[in-house]
Amino acid sequence: MGLLKRRVKIGLALGGGVARSIAHVGIFKVLEREKIPIDCMAGCSGGSLAGALYASGVSIEDLERIASTLTWKHIANLALPNRGFISNKRMLRFLEKNCLKSRFEDLRIPFSVVATDLMTGEEVIFDRGELFPAIQASCSIPAIFRPVKIQGRHYIDGGFVSQIPVRAVRRMGADLVIACDVNYNEIRNGEPTNLVTLIFHLLSTVSRKNALESRQQADIVISVDAHGIGLSELHRGKEIIARGEEATLQILPILKQEISKRESLVSHTLSKLCHL
């Protein structure tokens, strides 16, 4: 009889978006409050950072505190140019201080991280071993952050190949994949005026195309309104969290209906199999 109650496995694809990725805290908050279980997650860029903290067991209250006080000095420091202008050593210290686990195998929620192989341009999914280097790699925007070397290869920001890592979540065995798009309704602020804004512009242009493809591949999409939120505006953490909550509340009825429908279908199918 236990088989007849099999629950649908729910996975979250956490999108990149630099400061906008803070919205994932609001998404986690609503899903947890509504007792909608998360069985697995995959994260890209800023989504990998937020997802790792939550998957390691950091509470919603602590996530809100961390996100609302986060500044660039916590995760980046200027360094001499060497394939990147900013060292990611502070990000490592931030993770060591705030993330409760340091290996994929020890996380309370199965989690994977998407990055881009610098030499081949291919998507690489990390899901075992040391967690922090994978996150650093996924967040390494070229020419801003230094590429991260892992087992002899260099990796850069996952947004170039999978801004919303739906494929990675499917690979983890999720029955129902929820894509978290934290860049929905974003606007362009004119022509790039310096190297940093040019790089952000290029990454945004590339990632927008593969994000649209990921949205189409997902079962449910949480579209966080990014209108007016700049990629670098970490100081607006509380507002960004609230936008994540609002977007999740909007799709909640559809999500619950879809979960119920799929669980009924699974139960019906298993019941028929048991009577064969």
C-alpha atoms as a PDB file:
ATOM      1  CA  MET A   1       0.000   0.000   0.000  1.00  0.00           C
ATOM      2  CA  GLY A   2       2.914   2.347   0.638  1.00  0.00           C
ATOM      3  CA  LEU A   3       3.608   2.481  -3.060  1.00  0.00           C
ATOM      4  CA  LEU A   4       0.180   3.952  -3.691  1.00  0.00           C
ATOM      5  CA  LYS A   5       1.154   7.047  -1.711  1.00  0.00           C
ATOM      6  CA  ARG A   6       4.307   7.850  -3.648  1.00  0.00           C
ATOM      7  CA  ARG A   7       4.911  11.602  -3.598  1.00  0.00           C
ATOM      8  CA  VAL A   8       5.886  13.605  -6.672  1.00  0.00           C
ATOM      9  CA  LYS A   9       9.562  14.583  -6.521  1.00  0.00           C
ATOM     10  CA  ILE A  10       9.827  18.389  -6.733  1.00  0.00           C
ATOM     11  CA  GLY A  11      12.953  20.178  -7.976  1.00  0.00           C
ATOM     12  CA  LEU A  12      13.935  23.841  -8.081  1.00  0.00           C
ATOM     13  CA  ALA A  13      16.092  25.391 -10.813  1.00  0.00           C
ATOM     14  CA  LEU A  14      17.620  28.492  -9.217  1.00  0.00           C
ATOM     15  CA  GLY A  15      18.489  31.151 -11.770  1.00  0.00           C
ATOM     16  CA  GLY A  16      21.449  33.482 -11.807  1.00  0.00           C
ATOM     17  CA  GLY A  17      21.018  37.223 -11.585  1.00  0.00           C
ATOM     18  CA  VAL A  18      23.739  38.617  -9.286  1.00  0.00           C
ATOM     19  CA  ALA A  19      21.863  40.729  -6.677  1.00  0.00           C
ATOM     20  CA  ARG A  20      18.500  39.587  -8.028  1.00  0.00           C
ATOM     21  CA  SER A  21      19.315  36.039  -6.929  1.00  0.00           C
ATOM     22  CA  ILE A  22      18.513  37.160  -3.380  1.00  0.00           C
ATOM     23  CA  ALA A  23      14.877  36.658  -4.454  1.00  0.00           C
ATOM     24  CA  HIS A  24      15.373  32.919  -3.955  1.00  0.00           C
ATOM     25  CA  VAL A  25      15.192  33.520  -0.203  1.00  0.00           C
ATOM     26  CA  GLY A  26      11.610  34.739  -0.650  1.00  0.00           C
ATOM     27  CA  ILE A  27      10.823  31.698  -2.805  1.00  0.00           C
ATOM     28  CA  PHE A  28      12.192  29.295  -0.171  1.00  0.00           C
ATOM     29  CA  LYS A  29      10.244  31.164   2.505  1.00  0.00           C
ATOM     30  CA  VAL A  30       6.853  30.735   0.838  1.00  0.00           C
ATOM     31  CA  LEU A  31       7.389  27.106  -0.173  1.00  0.00           C
ATOM     32  CA  GLU A  32       8.515  26.207   3.343  1.00  0.00           C
ATOM     33  CA  ARG A  33       5.586  28.037   4.935  1.00  0.00           C
ATOM     34  CA  GLU A  34       3.172  26.240   2.619  1.00  0.00           C
ATOM     35  CA  LYS A  35       4.844  22.910   3.440  1.00  0.00           C
ATOM     36  CA  ILE A  36       5.730  22.237  -0.194  1.00  0.00           C
ATOM     37  CA  PRO A  37       8.787  19.970  -0.004  1.00  0.00           C
ATOM     38  CA  ILE A  38      11.883  20.573  -2.090  1.00  0.00           C
ATOM     39  CA  ASP A  39      13.467  17.256  -3.024  1.00  0.00           C
ATOM     40  CA  CYS A  40      16.376  18.574  -5.077  1.00  0.00           C
ATOM     41  CA  MET A  41      17.817  21.827  -6.415  1.00  0.00           C
ATOM     42  CA  ALA A  42      20.326  23.067  -8.960  1.00  0.00           C
ATOM     43  CA  GLY A  43      21.776  26.561  -8.957  1.00  0.00           C
ATOM     44  CA  CYS A  44      23.512  28.857 -11.428  1.00  0.00           C
ATOM     45  CA  SER A  45      25.693  31.810 -10.446  1.00  0.00           C
ATOM     46  CA  GLY A  46      23.945  33.743  -7.644  1.00  0.00           C
ATOM     47  CA  GLY A  47      21.343  30.990  -7.501  1.00  0.00           C
ATOM     48  CA  SER A  48      24.082  28.522  -6.588  1.00  0.00           C
ATOM     49  CA  LEU A  49      25.094  30.698  -3.642  1.00  0.00           C
ATOM     50  CA  ALA A  50      21.557  31.046  -2.279  1.00  0.00           C
ATOM     51  CA  GLY A  51      20.768  27.389  -2.934  1.00  0.00           C
ATOM     52  CA  ALA A  52      23.896  26.100  -1.211  1.00  0.00           C
ATOM     53  CA  LEU A  53      23.132  28.012   1.978  1.00  0.00           C
ATOM     54  CA  TYR A  54      19.564  26.707   2.101  1.00  0.00           C
ATOM     55  CA  ALA A  55      20.544  23.160   1.131  1.00  0.00           C
ATOM     56  CA  SER A  56      23.140  23.139   3.908  1.00  0.00           C
ATOM     57  CA  GLY A  57      20.469  23.792   6.531  1.00  0.00           C
ATOM     58  CA  VAL A  58      20.617  27.571   7.040  1.00  0.00           C
ATOM     59  CA  SER A  59      17.189  28.662   8.343  1.00  0.00           C
ATOM     60  CA  ILE A  60      14.938  31.103   6.511  1.00  0.00           C
ATOM     61  CA  GLU A  61      15.418  33.602   9.349  1.00  0.00           C
ATOM     62  CA  ASP A  62      19.195  33.444   9.026  1.00  0.00           C
ATOM     63  CA  LEU A  63      18.997  33.600   5.216  1.00  0.00           C
ATOM     64  CA  GLU A  64      16.933  36.785   5.483  1.00  0.00           C
ATOM     65  CA  ARG A  65      19.448  38.271   7.907  1.00  0.00           C
ATOM     66  CA  ILE A  66      22.403  37.381   5.676  1.00  0.00           C
ATOM     67  CA  ALA A  67      20.704  38.635   2.506  1.00  0.00           C
ATOM     68  CA  SER A  68      19.509  41.902   4.025  1.00  0.00           C
ATOM     69  CA  THR A  69      23.006  42.831   5.244  1.00  0.00           C
ATOM     70  CA  LEU A  70      25.034  41.477   2.305  1.00  0.00           C
ATOM     71  CA  THR A  71      27.410  43.898   0.588  1.00  0.00           C
ATOM     72  CA  TRP A  72      30.059  43.464  -2.090  1.00  0.00           C
ATOM     73  CA  LYS A  73      32.826  43.642   0.509  1.00  0.00           C
ATOM     74  CA  HIS A  74      31.525  40.360   1.947  1.00  0.00           C
ATOM     75  CA  ILE A  75      32.012  38.410  -1.295  1.00  0.00           C
ATOM     76  CA  ALA A  76      34.556  40.296  -3.433  1.00  0.00           C
ATOM     77  CA  ASN A  77      37.740  42.295  -3.117  1.00  0.00           C
ATOM     78  CA  LEU A  78      39.776  44.170  -5.686  1.00  0.00           C
ATOM     79  CA  ALA A  79      42.894  42.403  -6.924  1.00  0.00           C
ATOM     80  CA  LEU A  80      45.609  43.046  -9.477  1.00  0.00           C
ATOM     81  CA  PRO A  81      44.355  42.167 -12.984  1.00  0.00           C
ATOM     82  CA  ASN A  82      45.082  38.543 -13.841  1.00  0.00           C
ATOM     83  CA  ARG A  83      42.359  37.217 -16.161  1.00  0.00           C
ATOM     84  CA  GLY A  84      39.927  39.012 -13.844  1.00  0.00           C
ATOM     85  CA  PHE A  85      39.800  42.201 -11.811  1.00  0.00           C
ATOM     86  CA  ILE A  86      38.265  40.854  -8.617  1.00  0.00           C
ATOM     87  CA  SER A  87      39.482  38.028  -6.421  1.00  0.00           C
ATOM     88  CA  ASN A  88      36.865  35.566  -5.173  1.00  0.00           C
ATOM     89  CA  LYS A  89      38.739  34.768  -1.952  1.00  0.00           C
ATOM     90  CA  ARG A  90      36.205  36.751   0.071  1.00  0.00           C
ATOM     91  CA  MET A  91      33.425  34.640  -1.390  1.00  0.00           C
ATOM     92  CA  LEU A  92      35.233  31.587  -0.063  1.00  0.00           C
ATOM     93  CA  ARG A  93      35.464  33.149   3.398  1.00  0.00           C
ATOM     94  CA  PHE A  94      31.778  34.109   3.197  1.00  0.00           C
ATOM     95  CA  LEU A  95      30.854  30.504   2.409  1.00  0.00           C
ATOM     96  CA  GLU A  96      33.109  29.130   5.137  1.00  0.00           C
ATOM     97  CA  LYS A  97      31.414  31.427   7.644  1.00  0.00           C
ATOM     98  CA  ASN A  98      27.778  31.029   6.577  1.00  0.00           C
ATOM     99  CA  CYS A  99      27.342  27.677   4.807  1.00  0.00           C
ATOM    100  CA  LEU A 100      26.805  24.817   7.275  1.00  0.00           C
ATOM    101  CA  LYS A 101      28.270  22.104   5.034  1.00  0.00           C
ATOM    102  CA  SER A 102      31.250  22.118   2.697  1.00  0.00           C
ATOM    103  CA  ARG A 103      30.641  18.965   0.636  1.00  0.00           C
ATOM    104  CA  PHE A 104      27.789  18.122  -1.725  1.00  0.00           C
ATOM    105  CA  GLU A 105      27.302  14.716  -0.094  1.00  0.00           C
ATOM    106  CA  ASP A 106      26.568  16.287   3.318  1.00  0.00           C
ATOM    107  CA  LEU A 107      23.816  18.703   2.240  1.00  0.00           C
ATOM    108  CA  ARG A 108      20.320  18.143   3.659  1.00  0.00           C
ATOM    109  CA  ILE A 109      18.776  18.728   0.190  1.00  0.00           C
ATOM    110  CA  PRO A 110      20.416  17.147  -2.887  1.00  0.00           C
ATOM    111  CA  PHE A 111      22.014  20.017  -4.773  1.00  0.00           C
ATOM    112  CA  SER A 112      24.045  20.588  -7.925  1.00  0.00           C
ATOM    113  CA  VAL A 113      25.859  23.596  -9.373  1.00  0.00           C
ATOM    114  CA  VAL A 114      26.201  24.613 -13.016  1.00  0.00           C
ATOM    115  CA  ALA A 115      29.312  26.285 -14.422  1.00  0.00           C
ATOM    116  CA  THR A 116      30.854  26.805 -17.873  1.00  0.00           C
ATOM    117  CA  ASP A 117      34.073  25.135 -18.992  1.00  0.00           C
ATOM    118  CA  LEU A 118      36.277  28.059 -20.065  1.00  0.00           C
ATOM    119  CA  MET A 119      38.033  26.148 -22.852  1.00  0.00           C
ATOM    120  CA  THR A 120      35.112  24.258 -24.411  1.00  0.00           C
ATOM    121  CA  GLY A 121      32.184  26.527 -23.528  1.00  0.00           C
ATOM    122  CA  GLU A 122      30.247  23.458 -22.375  1.00  0.00           C
ATOM    123  CA  GLU A 123      27.915  23.110 -19.415  1.00  0.00           C
ATOM    124  CA  VAL A 124      29.445  21.318 -16.436  1.00  0.00           C
ATOM    125  CA  ILE A 125      27.359  20.086 -13.501  1.00  0.00           C
ATOM    126  CA  PHE A 126      29.044  19.686 -10.114  1.00  0.00           C
ATOM    127  CA  ASP A 127      27.253  17.443  -7.619  1.00  0.00           C
ATOM    128  CA  ARG A 128      29.915  15.744  -5.535  1.00  0.00           C
ATOM    129  CA  GLY A 129      33.039  16.608  -3.601  1.00  0.00           C
ATOM    130  CA  GLU A 130      33.945  20.096  -2.439  1.00  0.00           C
ATOM    131  CA  LEU A 131      31.013  22.509  -2.670  1.00  0.00           C
ATOM    132  CA  PHE A 132      32.660  25.922  -2.369  1.00  0.00           C
ATOM    133  CA  PRO A 133      34.937  25.820  -5.457  1.00  0.00           C
ATOM    134  CA  ALA A 134      31.927  24.858  -7.596  1.00  0.00           C
ATOM    135  CA  ILE A 135      29.987  27.885  -6.329  1.00  0.00           C
ATOM    136  CA  GLN A 136      32.955  30.173  -6.914  1.00  0.00           C
ATOM    137  CA  ALA A 137      33.195  28.825 -10.468  1.00  0.00           C
ATOM    138  CA  SER A 138      29.493  29.282 -11.169  1.00  0.00           C
ATOM    139  CA  CYS A 139      29.696  32.908  -9.984  1.00  0.00           C
ATOM    140  CA  SER A 140      32.877  33.822 -11.882  1.00  0.00           C
ATOM    141  CA  ILE A 141      31.841  36.429 -14.439  1.00  0.00           C
ATOM    142  CA  PRO A 142      34.694  36.633 -16.985  1.00  0.00           C
ATOM    143  CA  ALA A 143      36.980  39.688 -16.834  1.00  0.00           C
ATOM    144  CA  ILE A 144      35.415  40.609 -13.486  1.00  0.00           C
ATOM    145  CA  PHE A 145      36.136  37.507 -11.408  1.00  0.00           C
ATOM    146  CA  ARG A 146      39.055  35.191 -12.008  1.00  0.00           C
ATOM    147  CA  PRO A 147      38.217  31.803 -13.545  1.00  0.00           C
ATOM    148  CA  VAL A 148      38.238  29.007 -10.982  1.00  0.00           C
ATOM    149  CA  LYS A 149      40.505  26.031 -11.430  1.00  0.00           C
ATOM    150  CA  ILE A 150      39.081  22.651 -10.437  1.00  0.00           C
ATOM    151  CA  GLN A 151      40.991  19.435 -11.147  1.00  0.00           C
ATOM    152  CA  GLY A 152      43.132  21.062 -13.810  1.00  0.00           C
ATOM    153  CA  ARG A 153      40.352  22.837 -15.737  1.00  0.00           C
ATOM    154  CA  HIS A 154      39.130  26.431 -15.544  1.00  0.00           C
ATOM    155  CA  TYR A 155      35.482  27.375 -15.107  1.00  0.00           C
ATOM    156  CA  ILE A 156      33.444  30.567 -15.428  1.00  0.00           C
ATOM    157  CA  ASP A 157      29.893  31.770 -14.789  1.00  0.00           C
ATOM    158  CA  GLY A 158      27.182  29.190 -15.468  1.00  0.00           C
ATOM    159  CA  GLY A 159      24.900  31.825 -16.989  1.00  0.00           C
ATOM    160  CA  PHE A 160      26.622  31.417 -20.330  1.00  0.00           C
ATOM    161  CA  VAL A 161      25.194  27.902 -20.710  1.00  0.00           C
ATOM    162  CA  SER A 162      22.269  27.530 -18.313  1.00  0.00           C
ATOM    163  CA  GLN A 163      20.966  30.656 -16.606  1.00  0.00           C
ATOM    164  CA  ILE A 164      18.076  28.665 -15.134  1.00  0.00           C
ATOM    165  CA  PRO A 165      19.422  25.097 -14.700  1.00  0.00           C
ATOM    166  CA  VAL A 166      16.308  23.098 -15.571  1.00  0.00           C
ATOM    167  CA  ARG A 167      18.329  20.367 -17.311  1.00  0.00           C
ATOM    168  CA  ALA A 168      20.401  19.811 -14.190  1.00  0.00           C
ATOM    169  CA  VAL A 169      17.284  19.393 -12.051  1.00  0.00           C
ATOM    170  CA  ARG A 170      15.790  16.900 -14.516  1.00  0.00           C
ATOM    171  CA  ARG A 171      19.070  14.989 -14.337  1.00  0.00           C
ATOM    172  CA  MET A 172      18.588  14.734 -10.567  1.00  0.00           C
ATOM    173  CA  GLY A 173      15.342  12.843 -11.105  1.00  0.00           C
ATOM    174  CA  ALA A 174      12.749  15.540 -10.401  1.00  0.00           C
ATOM    175  CA  ASP A 175       9.204  14.738 -11.572  1.00  0.00           C
ATOM    176  CA  LEU A 176       8.105  18.366 -11.385  1.00  0.00           C
ATOM    177  CA  VAL A 177      10.629  21.118 -12.137  1.00  0.00           C
ATOM    178  CA  ILE A 178      10.051  24.684 -10.971  1.00  0.00           C
ATOM    179  CA  ALA A 179      12.146  27.275 -12.824  1.00  0.00           C
ATOM    180  CA  CYS A 180      12.995  30.347 -10.745  1.00  0.00           C
ATOM    181  CA  ASP A 181      13.523  33.271 -13.144  1.00  0.00           C
ATOM    182  CA  VAL A 182      14.826  36.198 -11.089  1.00  0.00           C
ATOM    183  CA  ASN A 183      15.350  38.439 -14.149  1.00  0.00           C
ATOM    184  CA  TYR A 184      11.767  38.600 -15.403  1.00  0.00           C
ATOM    185  CA  ASN A 185      10.711  42.005 -16.732  1.00  0.00           C
ATOM    186  CA  GLU A 186      14.231  43.409 -16.444  1.00  0.00           C
ATOM    187  CA  ILE A 187      14.992  46.612 -18.319  1.00  0.00           C
ATOM    188  CA  ARG A 188      18.109  47.871 -20.070  1.00  0.00           C
ATOM    189  CA  ASN A 189      19.599  51.118 -18.793  1.00  0.00           C
ATOM    190  CA  GLY A 190      20.936  52.465 -22.081  1.00  0.00           C
ATOM    191  CA  GLU A 191      24.290  51.742 -23.684  1.00  0.00           C
ATOM    192  CA  PRO A 192      27.105  50.271 -21.552  1.00  0.00           C
ATOM    193  CA  THR A 193      29.305  53.102 -20.286  1.00  0.00           C
ATOM    194  CA  ASN A 194      32.316  51.202 -18.909  1.00  0.00           C
ATOM    195  CA  LEU A 195      33.949  47.775 -18.946  1.00  0.00           C
ATOM    196  CA  VAL A 196      31.910  46.400 -16.050  1.00  0.00           C
ATOM    197  CA  THR A 197      28.548  47.438 -17.497  1.00  0.00           C
ATOM    198  CA  LEU A 198      29.651  46.120 -20.901  1.00  0.00           C
ATOM    199  CA  ILE A 199      30.451  42.706 -19.405  1.00  0.00           C
ATOM    200  CA  PHE A 200      27.145  42.607 -17.538  1.00  0.00           C
ATOM    201  CA  HIS A 201      25.394  43.570 -20.773  1.00  0.00           C
ATOM    202  CA  LEU A 202      27.070  40.761 -22.722  1.00  0.00           C
ATOM    203  CA  LEU A 203      26.356  38.144 -20.059  1.00  0.00           C
ATOM    204  CA  SER A 204      22.750  39.286 -19.820  1.00  0.00           C
ATOM    205  CA  THR A 205      22.322  39.077 -23.595  1.00  0.00           C
ATOM    206  CA  VAL A 206      23.662  35.510 -23.782  1.00  0.00           C
ATOM    207  CA  SER A 207      21.900  34.269 -20.657  1.00  0.00           C
ATOM    208  CA  ARG A 208      18.525  35.721 -21.676  1.00  0.00           C
ATOM    209  CA  LYS A 209      18.367  33.395 -24.688  1.00  0.00           C
ATOM    210  CA  ASN A 210      19.099  30.202 -22.772  1.00  0.00           C
ATOM    211  CA  ALA A 211      16.822  31.361 -19.933  1.00  0.00           C
ATOM    212  CA  LEU A 212      13.890  31.499 -22.356  1.00  0.00           C
ATOM    213  CA  GLU A 213      14.659  27.943 -23.441  1.00  0.00           C
ATOM    214  CA  SER A 214      14.782  26.804 -19.813  1.00  0.00           C
ATOM    215  CA  ARG A 215      11.457  28.443 -19.018  1.00  0.00           C
ATOM    216  CA  GLN A 216       9.876  26.436 -21.834  1.00  0.00           C
ATOM    217  CA  GLN A 217      11.390  23.203 -20.526  1.00  0.00           C
ATOM    218  CA  ALA A 218      10.127  23.695 -16.956  1.00  0.00           C
ATOM    219  CA  ASP A 219       6.762  22.530 -15.589  1.00  0.00           C
ATOM    220  CA  ILE A 220       6.168  25.645 -13.472  1.00  0.00           C
ATOM    221  CA  VAL A 221       7.872  29.046 -13.709  1.00  0.00           C
ATOM    222  CA  ILE A 222       8.231  31.524 -10.854  1.00  0.00           C
ATOM    223  CA  SER A 223       8.774  34.886 -12.563  1.00  0.00           C
ATOM    224  CA  VAL A 224      10.279  37.392 -10.139  1.00  0.00           C
ATOM    225  CA  ASP A 225       9.704  40.970 -11.292  1.00  0.00           C
ATOM    226  CA  ALA A 226      13.209  42.452 -11.699  1.00  0.00           C
ATOM    227  CA  HIS A 227      11.982  45.790 -13.072  1.00  0.00           C
ATOM    228  CA  GLY A 228      14.116  48.564 -11.629  1.00  0.00           C
ATOM    229  CA  ILE A 229      16.494  46.228  -9.762  1.00  0.00           C
ATOM    230  CA  GLY A 230      20.088  46.547 -10.936  1.00  0.00           C
ATOM    231  CA  LEU A 231      22.357  43.506 -11.102  1.00  0.00           C
ATOM    232  CA  SER A 232      24.754  45.036  -8.574  1.00  0.00           C
ATOM    233  CA  GLU A 233      22.212  46.376  -6.046  1.00  0.00           C
ATOM    234  CA  LEU A 234      22.879  44.058  -3.127  1.00  0.00           C
ATOM    235  CA  HIS A 235      21.777  46.791  -0.703  1.00  0.00           C
ATOM    236  CA  ARG A 236      18.150  46.228  -1.769  1.00  0.00           C
ATOM    237  CA  GLY A 237      18.077  42.733  -0.276  1.00  0.00           C
ATOM    238  CA  LYS A 238      14.867  43.097   1.734  1.00  0.00           C
ATOM    239  CA  GLU A 239      12.971  44.429  -1.283  1.00  0.00           C
ATOM    240  CA  ILE A 240      14.308  41.662  -3.528  1.00  0.00           C
ATOM    241  CA  ILE A 241      13.279  38.979  -1.007  1.00  0.00           C
ATOM    242  CA  ALA A 242       9.782  40.487  -0.926  1.00  0.00           C
ATOM    243  CA  ARG A 243       9.582  40.285  -4.721  1.00  0.00           C
ATOM    244  CA  GLY A 244      10.517  36.606  -4.546  1.00  0.00           C
ATOM    245  CA  GLU A 245       7.724  36.012  -2.033  1.00  0.00           C
ATOM    246  CA  GLU A 246       5.191  37.877  -4.158  1.00  0.00           C
ATOM    247  CA  ALA A 247       6.072  35.949  -7.317  1.00  0.00           C
ATOM    248  CA  THR A 248       5.790  32.611  -5.497  1.00  0.00           C
ATOM    249  CA  LEU A 249       2.431  33.514  -3.965  1.00  0.00           C
ATOM    250  CA  GLN A 250       1.124  34.338  -7.444  1.00  0.00           C
ATOM    251  CA  ILE A 251       1.821  30.852  -8.793  1.00  0.00           C
ATOM    252  CA  LEU A 252       0.980  28.984  -5.583  1.00  0.00           C
ATOM    253  CA  PRO A 253      -2.572  27.916  -6.608  1.00  0.00           C
ATOM    254  CA  ILE A 254      -1.289  26.602  -9.957  1.00  0.00           C
ATOM    255  CA  LEU A 255       1.603  24.820  -8.260  1.00  0.00           C
ATOM    256  CA  LYS A 256      -0.613  23.118  -5.685  1.00  0.00           C
ATOM    257  CA  GLN A 257      -3.058  22.072  -8.389  1.00  0.00           C
ATOM    258  CA  GLU A 258      -0.238  20.611 -10.498  1.00  0.00           C
ATOM    259  CA  ILE A 259       1.206  18.693  -7.549  1.00  0.00           C
ATOM    260  CA  SER A 260      -2.217  17.288  -6.678  1.00  0.00           C
ATOM    261  CA  LYS A 261      -2.891  16.309 -10.283  1.00  0.00           C
ATOM    262  CA  ARG A 262       0.435  14.537 -10.669  1.00  0.00           C
ATOM    263  CA  GLU A 263       0.153  12.699  -7.367  1.00  0.00           C
ATOM    264  CA  SER A 264      -3.347  11.515  -8.258  1.00  0.00           C
ATOM    265  CA  LEU A 265      -2.076  10.281 -11.620  1.00  0.00           C
ATOM    266  CA  VAL A 266       0.822   8.436  -9.997  1.00  0.00           C
ATOM    267  CA  SER A 267      -1.458   6.845  -7.397  1.00  0.00           C
ATOM    268  CA  HIS A 268      -3.937   5.784 -10.085  1.00  0.00           C
ATOM    269  CA  THR A 269      -1.182   4.285 -12.232  1.00  0.00           C
ATOM    270  CA  LEU A 270       0.351   2.386  -9.331  1.00  0.00           C
ATOM    271  CA  SER A 271      -3.054   1.142  -8.247  1.00  0.00           C
ATOM    272  CA  LYS A 272      -3.684  -0.296 -11.720  1.00  0.00           C
ATOM    273  CA  LEU A 273      -0.264  -1.955 -11.719  1.00  0.00           C
ATOM    274  CA  CYS A 274      -0.951  -3.552  -8.347  1.00  0.00           C
ATOM    275  CA  HIS A 275      -4.140  -5.134  -9.717  1.00  0.00           C
ATOM    276  CA  LEU A 276      -2.529  -6.624 -12.803  1.00  0.00           C
END
